[in-house]
Amino acid sequence: MKGRNIKLVGAAILASLFLPIAANGSVISFSDSVFLNTNWTVVEIRDTTPNDSFVFSATQLGGGGNPGAYREVVNTLNTPTASSIASGHLFQGGIFDPGEDGTFLSLAMSLDGIGQPGGPAGAMAYGLLLEQGGNYFTFGPGQVLNGAGWMNFSQSGLVESDFVAEGADTLDLSNSGSPVNVGFFVSNGTFGNPSTNTGGVDNWSFQITTTVIPIPAAAWLFISALGGLVVAKRKQLKA
């Protein structure tokens, strides 16, 4: 009887090694509808002007948003050659670490954009920005015609292949990928001497969904073995 009980416990422990034990996935969220200047950094992510004349800026305005405060963005170039320019806006603390925060599944984003009247470009394009290792990756859902008012852009289910590299590097959201800083970009294409285009962003939000993560069964082995031995011991005493 004693030998048989020990064999049963051993078999149960061995079987548990192959059981898929999983933890719940999670959603990591970032958002801003106030846009304090200290919470954002602006960078250049694209400049095809032949004379490197792209100048950009951004600041919080207390009113005129959708509603309330918003982040005003200004893109200026100075060239007679048709060009494409884009400024990137990174949220401080908006960091996702694929190796630490869970196995990546998908991204979702939402923001309100506006193109102010009078801009030579005629429209301002908005979208999601990821920065990884000093490299930039964009997803652009659309643009707002100047003077058309606020427009919402939302997209869910985004994966690595949905992003365009602003360079030759490759986005890596696998568990071995380096941390990613999230934000948004604002772009337009035009020419002029100078050409200044003004827009804005409000109600920015960003969600990262992680998959159900398999957990090594080793953590459960001690509990399983202990429980099995207790049962076996009780049966021995009764016998």
Protein backbone atom coordinates (compact mmCIF):
# COMPACT_ATOMS: atom_id res chain seq x y z
CA MET A 1 0.00 0.00 0.00
CA LYS A 2 2.77 2.44 0.98
CA GLY A 3 4.72 1.92 -2.25
CA ARG A 4 1.59 2.32 -4.35
CA ASN A 5 0.71 5.66 -2.70
CA ILE A 6 4.19 7.04 -3.29
CA LYS A 7 4.01 6.03 -6.95
CA LEU A 8 0.66 7.81 -7.33
CA VAL A 9 2.03 11.01 -5.79
CA GLY A 10 5.10 10.86 -8.03
CA ALA A 11 2.95 10.39 -11.11
CA ALA A 12 0.78 13.37 -10.16
CA ILE A 13 3.82 15.60 -9.69
CA LEU A 14 5.31 14.52 -13.00
CA ALA A 15 2.03 15.16 -14.81
CA SER A 16 1.79 18.64 -13.31
CA LEU A 17 5.00 19.60 -15.08
CA PHE A 18 3.14 19.47 -18.37
CA LEU A 19 -0.04 21.24 -17.31
CA PRO A 20 -0.50 24.73 -18.85
CA ILE A 21 -0.86 26.94 -15.80
CA ALA A 22 -1.59 30.55 -16.82
CA ALA A 23 -1.90 34.01 -15.32
CA ASN A 24 -4.43 36.58 -16.46
CA GLY A 25 -3.38 39.05 -19.14
CA SER A 26 -3.57 42.78 -18.45
CA VAL A 27 -4.08 46.16 -20.09
CA ILE A 28 -1.47 48.88 -19.54
CA SER A 29 -2.96 52.33 -20.09
CA PHE A 30 -1.63 55.86 -20.56
CA SER A 31 -3.74 58.98 -21.18
CA ASP A 32 -3.66 62.77 -21.04
CA SER A 33 -6.27 65.48 -21.54
CA VAL A 34 -4.42 68.31 -19.75
CA PHE A 35 -0.99 68.23 -21.48
CA LEU A 36 1.28 69.89 -18.98
CA ASN A 37 4.48 70.82 -20.82
CA THR A 38 6.58 68.94 -18.25
CA ASN A 39 4.86 65.68 -19.21
CA TRP A 40 5.82 65.80 -22.88
CA THR A 41 8.95 65.90 -25.03
CA VAL A 42 8.91 66.95 -28.69
CA VAL A 43 11.37 65.50 -31.21
CA GLU A 44 11.94 65.50 -34.96
CA ILE A 45 11.02 62.20 -36.59
CA ARG A 46 10.89 63.18 -40.27
CA ASP A 47 12.36 65.97 -42.39
CA THR A 48 12.69 65.62 -46.16
CA THR A 49 13.41 69.30 -46.78
CA PRO A 50 16.58 69.66 -48.89
CA ASN A 51 17.87 72.47 -46.66
CA ASP A 52 17.00 70.87 -43.31
CA SER A 53 14.65 73.75 -42.55
CA PHE A 54 12.04 71.96 -40.43
CA VAL A 55 11.32 73.82 -37.17
CA PHE A 56 8.72 72.55 -34.71
CA SER A 57 7.27 73.45 -31.33
CA ALA A 58 4.49 72.48 -28.95
CA THR A 59 2.88 73.91 -25.84
CA GLN A 60 -0.13 73.55 -23.59
CA LEU A 61 -3.01 75.95 -24.18
CA GLY A 62 -5.52 76.33 -21.36
CA GLY A 63 -8.60 76.61 -23.58
CA GLY A 64 -9.88 75.79 -27.04
CA GLY A 65 -9.51 72.03 -26.68
CA ASN A 66 -12.17 69.35 -26.91
CA PRO A 67 -12.92 70.66 -24.32
CA GLY A 68 -10.56 72.65 -22.08
CA ALA A 69 -6.78 72.42 -22.31
CA TYR A 70 -4.95 70.81 -25.23
CA ARG A 71 -1.47 70.55 -26.77
CA GLU A 72 -0.92 73.00 -29.61
CA VAL A 73 1.61 71.89 -32.23
CA VAL A 74 3.34 74.03 -34.87
CA ASN A 75 5.28 72.66 -37.86
CA THR A 76 7.27 75.14 -39.97
CA LEU A 77 9.53 74.67 -42.99
CA ASN A 78 11.27 77.06 -45.38
CA THR A 79 11.92 75.62 -48.84
CA PRO A 80 10.53 75.91 -52.39
CA THR A 81 10.69 72.11 -52.66
CA ALA A 82 7.68 69.96 -51.74
CA SER A 83 8.61 68.13 -48.53
CA SER A 84 7.24 65.94 -45.75
CA ILE A 85 7.81 66.80 -42.09
CA ALA A 86 6.69 65.23 -38.81
CA SER A 87 7.17 66.09 -35.15
CA GLY A 88 6.98 63.41 -32.47
CA HIS A 89 5.53 63.96 -29.01
CA LEU A 90 6.57 61.45 -26.34
CA PHE A 91 4.72 61.04 -23.05
CA GLN A 92 7.12 61.09 -20.11
CA GLY A 93 6.64 57.91 -18.09
CA GLY A 94 4.71 56.28 -20.92
CA ILE A 95 7.01 53.26 -21.04
CA PHE A 96 6.16 49.68 -21.97
CA ASP A 97 8.87 47.08 -21.38
CA PRO A 98 8.02 43.91 -23.34
CA GLY A 99 10.41 41.85 -21.25
CA GLU A 100 8.98 42.95 -17.92
CA ASP A 101 5.36 44.03 -18.39
CA GLY A 102 4.00 40.91 -20.09
CA THR A 103 3.93 39.27 -23.49
CA PHE A 104 2.67 41.78 -26.08
CA LEU A 105 -0.65 41.09 -27.80
CA SER A 106 -1.97 44.33 -29.31
CA LEU A 107 -2.15 48.12 -29.07
CA ALA A 108 -5.07 50.54 -29.10
CA MET A 109 -5.04 54.32 -29.42
CA SER A 110 -7.38 57.29 -29.48
CA LEU A 111 -6.83 61.03 -29.88
CA ASP A 112 -8.61 64.15 -31.06
CA GLY A 113 -6.81 66.25 -33.67
CA ILE A 114 -7.40 69.64 -35.27
CA GLY A 115 -5.93 71.65 -38.15
CA GLN A 116 -6.20 75.39 -37.68
CA PRO A 117 -7.48 77.54 -40.58
CA GLY A 118 -4.96 79.16 -42.90
CA GLY A 119 -2.25 76.50 -42.92
CA PRO A 120 -0.59 76.18 -46.35
CA ALA A 121 -0.57 72.38 -46.12
CA GLY A 122 -4.36 72.25 -46.04
CA ALA A 123 -4.41 69.45 -43.45
CA MET A 124 -2.57 68.00 -40.47
CA ALA A 125 -2.04 64.25 -40.09
CA TYR A 126 -2.03 62.56 -36.68
CA GLY A 127 -1.17 59.14 -35.36
CA LEU A 128 0.51 56.87 -32.87
CA LEU A 129 4.24 57.10 -32.20
CA LEU A 130 6.53 54.49 -30.65
CA GLU A 131 10.17 55.15 -29.77
CA GLN A 132 12.47 52.17 -29.19
CA GLY A 133 16.22 52.54 -28.77
CA GLY A 134 16.24 55.98 -30.35
CA ASN A 135 14.29 54.77 -33.40
CA TYR A 136 10.77 55.93 -34.32
CA PHE A 137 7.79 53.95 -35.58
CA THR A 138 4.45 55.45 -36.64
CA PHE A 139 0.89 54.44 -37.34
CA GLY A 140 -1.23 57.11 -39.03
CA PRO A 141 -5.01 56.63 -39.04
CA GLY A 142 -5.81 59.89 -40.86
CA GLN A 143 -5.69 63.66 -41.19
CA VAL A 144 -7.84 66.70 -40.38
CA LEU A 145 -8.55 69.37 -42.97
CA ASN A 146 -7.67 72.85 -41.79
CA GLY A 147 -10.71 74.58 -40.33
CA ALA A 148 -12.75 71.37 -40.02
CA GLY A 149 -12.71 71.41 -36.21
CA TRP A 150 -11.84 68.58 -33.87
CA MET A 151 -11.83 65.03 -35.21
CA ASN A 152 -11.36 61.78 -33.30
CA PHE A 153 -9.00 59.04 -34.47
CA SER A 154 -9.26 55.63 -32.81
CA GLN A 155 -7.79 52.26 -33.68
CA SER A 156 -7.49 48.94 -31.84
CA GLY A 157 -5.87 45.58 -32.53
CA LEU A 158 -2.60 47.10 -33.74
CA VAL A 159 0.44 44.82 -34.01
CA GLU A 160 4.09 45.27 -35.02
CA SER A 161 3.40 45.00 -38.75
CA ASP A 162 1.00 47.98 -38.63
CA PHE A 163 3.84 50.41 -37.86
CA VAL A 164 6.06 52.20 -40.36
CA ALA A 165 9.71 52.63 -39.45
CA GLU A 166 11.00 56.21 -39.75
CA GLY A 167 14.37 54.75 -40.71
CA ALA A 168 15.90 51.34 -41.38
CA ASP A 169 15.32 49.73 -37.99
CA THR A 170 12.71 47.13 -37.02
CA LEU A 171 10.20 47.39 -34.19
CA ASP A 172 10.55 44.52 -31.70
CA LEU A 173 7.66 43.99 -29.27
CA SER A 174 8.67 40.44 -28.37
CA ASN A 175 9.71 39.51 -24.84
CA SER A 176 13.32 40.21 -25.80
CA GLY A 177 12.50 43.70 -27.09
CA SER A 178 13.80 46.83 -25.37
CA PRO A 179 11.50 49.36 -23.61
CA VAL A 180 9.15 51.44 -25.75
CA ASN A 181 8.14 55.07 -25.12
CA VAL A 182 4.68 55.94 -26.46
CA GLY A 183 3.16 59.16 -27.76
CA PHE A 184 1.79 60.69 -30.95
CA PHE A 185 3.08 62.39 -34.09
CA VAL A 186 1.90 65.33 -36.19
CA SER A 187 2.87 65.62 -39.85
CA ASN A 188 2.17 67.55 -43.01
CA GLY A 189 3.59 67.89 -46.47
CA THR A 190 4.01 71.25 -48.17
CA PHE A 191 6.49 73.89 -49.32
CA GLY A 192 6.83 77.64 -48.72
CA ASN A 193 9.05 80.47 -47.60
CA PRO A 194 8.17 79.91 -44.83
CA SER A 195 5.23 77.52 -44.49
CA THR A 196 3.75 77.36 -40.99
CA ASN A 197 1.02 74.89 -40.09
CA THR A 198 -0.69 74.82 -36.70
CA GLY A 199 -2.73 72.04 -35.17
CA GLY A 200 -3.44 70.43 -31.83
CA VAL A 201 -4.13 67.23 -29.92
CA ASP A 202 -6.54 66.49 -27.08
CA ASN A 203 -7.86 63.44 -25.22
CA TRP A 204 -4.90 61.22 -26.05
CA SER A 205 -5.04 57.65 -24.77
CA PHE A 206 -3.05 54.50 -25.37
CA GLN A 207 -3.57 50.90 -24.25
CA ILE A 208 -1.29 47.87 -24.47
CA THR A 209 -2.89 44.46 -24.07
CA THR A 210 -0.68 41.59 -22.96
CA THR A 211 -1.39 37.93 -23.58
CA VAL A 212 -2.10 35.25 -21.01
CA ILE A 213 1.38 34.40 -19.81
CA PRO A 214 2.31 30.73 -19.12
CA ILE A 215 3.76 30.30 -15.63
CA PRO A 216 6.27 27.50 -14.94
CA ALA A 217 4.56 24.72 -13.06
CA ALA A 218 7.52 24.37 -10.72
CA ALA A 219 5.96 26.91 -8.37
CA TRP A 220 3.10 24.51 -7.82
CA LEU A 221 5.14 21.37 -7.37
CA PHE A 222 5.85 21.83 -3.71
CA ILE A 223 2.18 22.41 -2.90
CA SER A 224 1.09 19.45 -5.02
CA ALA A 225 3.71 17.16 -3.52
CA LEU A 226 2.90 18.22 0.02
CA GLY A 227 -0.80 17.67 -0.50
CA GLY A 228 -0.20 14.27 -2.06
CA LEU A 229 2.06 13.13 0.75
CA VAL A 230 -0.48 14.19 3.36
CA VAL A 231 -3.17 12.14 1.64
CA ALA A 232 -0.85 9.17 1.34
CA LYS A 233 0.13 9.40 5.00
CA ARG A 234 -3.50 9.47 6.12
CA LYS A 235 -4.27 6.40 4.08
CA GLN A 236 -1.30 4.61 5.60
CA LEU A 237 -2.51 5.41 9.11
CA LYS A 238 -6.00 4.15 8.30
CA ALA A 239 -4.55 0.99 6.82
